[in-house]
Amino acid sequence: MTLVFCALNHDFVILVSDRRVTYTDRPPIEDRNKGVVYAAIGAVAYSGLAEIDGQSTDRWLANALKGLPMGMDAIFRLQKSATSAFDRMVLDPRSKRHAFVGAGWGKYAGATGLVPGQIIVSNALDANGGWLAEARSEFTCTGTRLSESSVGLVCNPVGAPVPEDMMVELRADVEHCSARHTSPYPIMRRLAETIWAVSKSDCTVGKSLLAMVFPKTATSLTYPAKLKVGVAYTADARKSSLDVPWVCLIPGDGAQDVTVAPFIVYGDRVFENLPLLPANGIIESKA
């Protein structure tokens, strides 16, 4: 299991997931990236199987998105690719439950300009975001977008269950920060604190986290481009500017040090093994 949170406001989109992979026959891995950066407009994370077609799920996801046009066409192609890949798996339907969580900026009918939203591609979530007892044979898409009248939104979490009182408090805090047009840092911090609180009672959720931030002002960037990479709890990360997407890798207690950023997909290229620099440092994708 995993826990994935998406927060939206009119300035930026944040996607946060834990990094623990659990097994039935060996200790968990605490430092697996479960998200992929998708150009400068957003990212996709996952909850469910850690491997697809013999590859780590984040690598499979990056390859599935590579070369696709941006927007809903890519989501529909991901839906079809996932359906085909899971159909080939010789697993019990209960063990095939999976969800991809996309968050970013897109164009919607009737809306002006880019709008922040979340899209879920899953074979096992009900209308309220809860897990079905067994996976369906096909993946389907559902979406949520931020309305013009709302200042901020925390979408329903995907993965491990979150107590309702935690969600009420989290949503109030994110709305407060969004109304004040704060930097992404306090929102990212509240999402992280909520995941940490859930991890205390759910051993499938880890404390080491991956956070990906996509400012609206950065959506026109092309790659190779600069990507900020840092550690969320340092002072420098709180001052990160909103001119480029940035990734924060947040180690939990006892977690291994993070040395590489998540995969970055742009057009028909996948950038990988980009080094992690000190907080607020800059890394440049190499063509």
Protein backbone atom coordinates (compact mmCIF):
# COMPACT_ATOMS: atom_id res chain seq x y z
CA MET A 1 0.00 0.00 0.00
CA THR A 2 0.98 3.64 -0.27
CA LEU A 3 -0.58 6.96 0.63
CA VAL A 4 -0.83 9.60 -2.08
CA PHE A 5 -2.07 13.16 -1.48
CA CYS A 6 -2.83 15.84 -4.05
CA ALA A 7 -3.33 19.49 -3.12
CA LEU A 8 -4.53 22.09 -5.62
CA ASN A 9 -4.76 25.86 -5.64
CA HIS A 10 -4.58 28.53 -8.31
CA ASP A 11 -0.82 29.02 -7.83
CA PHE A 12 0.54 25.47 -7.79
CA VAL A 13 -0.17 21.75 -7.65
CA ILE A 14 1.47 19.44 -5.09
CA LEU A 15 1.62 15.64 -5.23
CA VAL A 16 3.07 13.80 -2.21
CA SER A 17 3.51 10.05 -1.75
CA ASP A 18 5.33 7.85 0.71
CA ARG A 19 8.23 5.72 -0.55
CA ARG A 20 7.80 2.40 1.29
CA VAL A 21 7.43 -0.85 -0.62
CA THR A 22 6.26 -3.80 1.48
CA TYR A 23 6.65 -7.53 0.89
CA THR A 24 5.21 -10.61 2.54
CA ASP A 25 8.54 -12.44 2.73
CA ARG A 26 11.18 -9.77 3.39
CA PRO A 27 11.68 -6.39 5.06
CA PRO A 28 10.23 -3.30 3.37
CA ILE A 29 12.20 -0.97 1.12
CA GLU A 30 12.00 2.61 2.36
CA ASP A 31 13.40 4.64 -0.54
CA ARG A 32 11.49 3.71 -3.71
CA ASN A 33 10.28 6.72 -5.69
CA LYS A 34 6.60 6.21 -6.49
CA GLY A 35 6.14 9.20 -8.74
CA VAL A 36 7.17 10.40 -12.20
CA VAL A 37 7.53 14.03 -13.28
CA TYR A 38 5.59 14.70 -16.49
CA ALA A 39 7.26 17.66 -18.24
CA ALA A 40 6.54 20.89 -16.38
CA ILE A 41 2.78 20.45 -16.09
CA GLY A 42 2.43 17.74 -13.45
CA ALA A 43 3.26 14.28 -12.18
CA VAL A 44 1.84 10.79 -11.76
CA ALA A 45 2.22 8.68 -8.60
CA TYR A 46 0.82 5.28 -7.75
CA SER A 47 -0.56 3.03 -5.04
CA GLY A 48 -0.55 -0.72 -5.50
CA LEU A 49 1.91 -3.02 -7.23
CA ALA A 50 5.59 -2.06 -7.07
CA GLU A 51 6.44 -3.93 -10.28
CA ILE A 52 4.73 -4.15 -13.68
CA ASP A 53 6.00 -6.26 -16.58
CA GLY A 54 9.21 -7.03 -14.69
CA GLN A 55 10.08 -3.37 -14.12
CA SER A 56 9.73 -1.11 -11.13
CA THR A 57 6.36 0.61 -11.47
CA ASP A 58 7.87 4.09 -11.72
CA ARG A 59 10.08 2.99 -14.62
CA TRP A 60 7.14 1.25 -16.32
CA LEU A 61 5.08 4.40 -15.84
CA ALA A 62 7.79 6.64 -17.32
CA ASN A 63 8.08 4.39 -20.36
CA ALA A 64 4.29 4.25 -20.73
CA LEU A 65 4.08 8.07 -20.80
CA LYS A 66 7.10 8.57 -23.05
CA GLY A 67 6.35 9.94 -26.50
CA LEU A 68 2.68 10.64 -25.81
CA PRO A 69 1.01 14.01 -26.45
CA MET A 70 0.35 15.95 -23.27
CA GLY A 71 -3.15 16.08 -21.87
CA MET A 72 -5.98 13.58 -21.72
CA ASP A 73 -4.63 11.60 -24.68
CA ALA A 74 -1.74 10.52 -22.47
CA ILE A 75 -4.12 9.55 -19.67
CA PHE A 76 -6.25 7.44 -22.00
CA ARG A 77 -3.15 5.72 -23.36
CA LEU A 78 -2.00 5.02 -19.80
CA GLN A 79 -5.42 3.53 -19.08
CA LYS A 80 -5.14 1.17 -22.05
CA SER A 81 -1.50 0.24 -21.32
CA ALA A 82 -2.30 -0.55 -17.69
CA THR A 83 -5.31 -2.65 -18.63
CA SER A 84 -3.18 -4.71 -21.04
CA ALA A 85 -0.29 -5.11 -18.59
CA PHE A 86 -2.50 -6.23 -15.70
CA ASP A 87 -4.43 -8.61 -17.94
CA ARG A 88 -1.15 -10.46 -18.51
CA MET A 89 -0.49 -10.85 -14.77
CA VAL A 90 -1.13 -14.26 -13.22
CA LEU A 91 -2.37 -12.95 -9.88
CA ASP A 92 -5.48 -13.17 -7.78
CA PRO A 93 -7.80 -10.20 -8.52
CA ARG A 94 -7.41 -8.98 -4.95
CA SER A 95 -3.64 -8.75 -5.46
CA LYS A 96 -4.01 -6.73 -8.69
CA ARG A 97 -5.66 -3.67 -7.15
CA HIS A 98 -3.86 -0.55 -8.33
CA ALA A 99 -4.27 3.19 -8.87
CA PHE A 100 -2.29 5.84 -10.71
CA VAL A 101 -2.78 9.39 -9.43
CA GLY A 102 -2.06 12.23 -11.84
CA ALA A 103 -1.96 15.86 -10.72
CA GLY A 104 -1.18 18.93 -12.74
CA TRP A 105 -2.41 21.68 -15.05
CA GLY A 106 -4.79 21.13 -17.95
CA LYS A 107 -7.42 22.70 -20.17
CA TYR A 108 -11.08 22.07 -19.45
CA ALA A 109 -14.19 22.88 -21.45
CA GLY A 110 -15.72 26.14 -20.29
CA ALA A 111 -12.65 27.20 -18.30
CA THR A 112 -10.24 29.99 -19.17
CA GLY A 113 -6.56 29.11 -19.25
CA LEU A 114 -4.95 26.24 -17.37
CA VAL A 115 -6.82 24.71 -14.44
CA PRO A 116 -5.34 22.55 -11.64
CA GLY A 117 -6.77 19.07 -11.33
CA GLN A 118 -6.31 15.45 -10.35
CA ILE A 119 -6.98 12.37 -12.49
CA ILE A 120 -7.08 8.81 -11.16
CA VAL A 121 -6.58 5.80 -13.40
CA SER A 122 -7.51 2.69 -11.43
CA ASN A 123 -8.92 -0.81 -11.62
CA ALA A 124 -10.07 -0.99 -8.01
CA LEU A 125 -11.38 2.29 -6.54
CA ASP A 126 -15.03 3.03 -5.85
CA ALA A 127 -16.76 6.39 -6.37
CA ASN A 128 -15.56 7.62 -2.96
CA GLY A 129 -11.93 6.62 -3.48
CA GLY A 130 -12.12 3.46 -1.35
CA TRP A 131 -10.66 0.14 -2.42
CA LEU A 132 -12.90 -2.51 -3.93
CA ALA A 133 -12.50 -6.07 -2.66
CA GLU A 134 -11.08 -7.18 -6.02
CA ALA A 135 -9.59 -5.51 -9.08
CA ARG A 136 -11.76 -5.04 -12.14
CA SER A 137 -10.58 -6.30 -15.52
CA GLU A 138 -10.18 -2.77 -16.91
CA PHE A 139 -8.73 0.51 -15.67
CA THR A 140 -11.05 3.53 -15.69
CA CYS A 141 -10.47 7.29 -15.33
CA THR A 142 -12.03 9.75 -12.89
CA GLY A 143 -11.12 13.39 -12.40
CA THR A 144 -11.38 16.33 -10.02
CA ARG A 145 -10.56 19.95 -10.80
CA LEU A 146 -10.39 23.09 -8.72
CA SER A 147 -13.33 25.40 -9.35
CA GLU A 148 -12.76 29.11 -9.91
CA SER A 149 -14.68 29.89 -6.71
CA SER A 150 -12.48 27.64 -4.52
CA VAL A 151 -9.18 28.88 -3.14
CA GLY A 152 -7.68 25.45 -2.47
CA LEU A 153 -8.49 21.77 -2.31
CA VAL A 154 -7.07 18.54 -0.94
CA CYS A 155 -8.40 15.74 -3.12
CA ASN A 156 -9.46 12.44 -1.59
CA PRO A 157 -6.32 10.50 -0.64
CA VAL A 158 -5.47 7.34 -2.54
CA GLY A 159 -4.04 4.26 -0.84
CA ALA A 160 -4.18 3.72 2.89
CA PRO A 161 -7.29 5.03 4.70
CA VAL A 162 -7.06 8.39 6.47
CA PRO A 163 -9.30 9.17 9.48
CA GLU A 164 -11.99 11.73 8.73
CA ASP A 165 -10.90 14.09 11.52
CA MET A 166 -7.40 14.27 10.02
CA MET A 167 -8.89 15.10 6.61
CA VAL A 168 -11.10 17.87 8.01
CA GLU A 169 -8.15 19.51 9.74
CA LEU A 170 -5.85 19.08 6.75
CA ARG A 171 -8.35 20.57 4.31
CA ALA A 172 -8.96 23.56 6.56
CA ASP A 173 -5.22 24.23 6.85
CA VAL A 174 -4.63 23.94 3.09
CA GLU A 175 -7.55 26.25 2.35
CA HIS A 176 -6.14 28.77 4.82
CA CYS A 177 -2.68 28.64 3.22
CA SER A 178 -4.14 28.90 -0.27
CA ALA A 179 -6.22 31.94 0.64
CA ARG A 180 -3.03 33.63 1.88
CA HIS A 181 -1.10 32.64 -1.28
CA THR A 182 1.72 31.10 0.75
CA SER A 183 4.63 29.27 -0.81
CA PRO A 184 4.15 25.52 -1.38
CA TYR A 185 6.19 24.71 1.72
CA PRO A 186 3.51 24.93 4.49
CA ILE A 187 1.03 22.93 2.41
CA MET A 188 3.64 20.31 1.59
CA ARG A 189 4.54 20.14 5.27
CA ARG A 190 0.93 19.55 6.32
CA LEU A 191 0.52 16.78 3.75
CA ALA A 192 3.71 15.17 5.05
CA GLU A 193 2.59 15.44 8.68
CA THR A 194 -0.68 13.71 7.82
CA ILE A 195 1.10 10.85 6.08
CA TRP A 196 3.44 10.50 9.06
CA ALA A 197 0.44 10.38 11.41
CA VAL A 198 -1.17 7.60 9.36
CA SER A 199 2.12 5.67 9.23
CA LYS A 200 2.08 5.32 13.03
CA SER A 201 -0.84 2.89 12.81
CA ASP A 202 -0.40 1.53 9.27
CA CYS A 203 2.79 -0.41 8.61
CA THR A 204 2.27 -0.26 4.84
CA VAL A 205 2.86 3.51 4.84
CA GLY A 206 6.41 4.83 5.19
CA LYS A 207 7.86 8.03 6.62
CA SER A 208 10.21 8.78 3.72
CA LEU A 209 8.27 10.89 1.22
CA LEU A 210 8.47 12.25 -2.31
CA ALA A 211 6.86 15.66 -2.95
CA MET A 212 6.53 17.20 -6.42
CA VAL A 213 5.49 20.82 -6.90
CA PHE A 214 4.26 22.38 -10.16
CA PRO A 215 3.75 26.15 -10.21
CA LYS A 216 1.38 27.58 -12.80
CA THR A 217 4.09 30.04 -13.81
CA ALA A 218 6.37 27.14 -14.82
CA THR A 219 4.00 25.26 -17.13
CA SER A 220 5.52 26.71 -20.30
CA LEU A 221 9.01 25.39 -19.57
CA THR A 222 10.54 22.82 -21.90
CA TYR A 223 13.22 20.23 -21.22
CA PRO A 224 16.14 20.08 -20.97
CA ALA A 225 15.20 22.49 -18.21
CA LYS A 226 16.26 23.20 -14.68
CA LEU A 227 14.50 21.42 -11.86
CA LYS A 228 14.86 22.37 -8.23
CA VAL A 229 15.59 19.42 -5.97
CA GLY A 230 15.95 19.68 -2.22
CA VAL A 231 15.03 18.43 1.22
CA ALA A 232 11.77 19.83 2.45
CA TYR A 233 12.57 20.52 6.07
CA THR A 234 15.56 22.79 5.41
CA ALA A 235 15.21 26.55 5.54
CA ASP A 236 16.32 26.98 1.93
CA ALA A 237 13.48 24.85 0.61
CA ARG A 238 10.99 27.20 2.26
CA LYS A 239 12.36 29.99 0.07
CA SER A 240 12.17 28.04 -3.19
CA SER A 241 10.90 30.24 -5.99
CA LEU A 242 7.92 29.44 -8.17
CA ASP A 243 9.68 29.78 -11.51
CA VAL A 244 10.34 26.06 -12.08
CA PRO A 245 8.92 22.72 -10.92
CA TRP A 246 10.69 21.34 -7.88
CA VAL A 247 11.03 18.03 -6.11
CA CYS A 248 11.46 17.55 -2.39
CA LEU A 249 12.62 14.22 -1.05
CA ILE A 250 11.70 14.09 2.64
CA PRO A 251 13.53 11.40 4.61
CA GLY A 252 11.73 9.79 7.53
CA ASP A 253 13.28 8.43 10.70
CA GLY A 254 15.89 5.87 9.80
CA ALA A 255 15.28 6.20 6.07
CA GLN A 256 18.16 5.87 3.65
CA ASP A 257 19.62 9.02 2.17
CA VAL A 258 18.14 9.95 -1.18
CA THR A 259 20.62 10.30 -4.02
CA VAL A 260 18.55 10.56 -7.21
CA ALA A 261 15.46 12.42 -8.37
CA PRO A 262 12.42 10.65 -9.86
CA PHE A 263 12.13 9.93 -13.58
CA ILE A 264 11.29 12.97 -15.71
CA VAL A 265 9.30 12.41 -18.91
CA TYR A 266 9.38 15.01 -21.65
CA GLY A 267 8.25 14.13 -25.15
CA ASP A 268 10.01 10.96 -26.25
CA ARG A 269 12.76 11.30 -23.62
CA VAL A 270 13.02 9.91 -20.11
CA PHE A 271 15.58 11.62 -17.89
CA GLU A 272 16.84 9.47 -15.02
CA ASN A 273 19.55 9.23 -12.37
CA LEU A 274 19.62 12.98 -11.95
CA PRO A 275 21.68 13.72 -8.84
CA LEU A 276 20.20 15.19 -5.72
CA LEU A 277 21.87 18.46 -4.79
CA PRO A 278 21.58 20.38 -1.51
CA ALA A 279 18.27 22.03 -0.75
CA ASN A 280 17.33 24.72 -3.24
CA GLY A 281 20.10 23.51 -5.54
CA ILE A 282 19.65 23.35 -9.28
CA ILE A 283 20.12 20.31 -11.49
CA GLU A 284 20.03 20.45 -15.25
CA SER A 285 18.75 17.69 -17.46
CA LYS A 286 21.31 16.65 -20.04
CA ALA A 287 20.16 16.01 -23.58
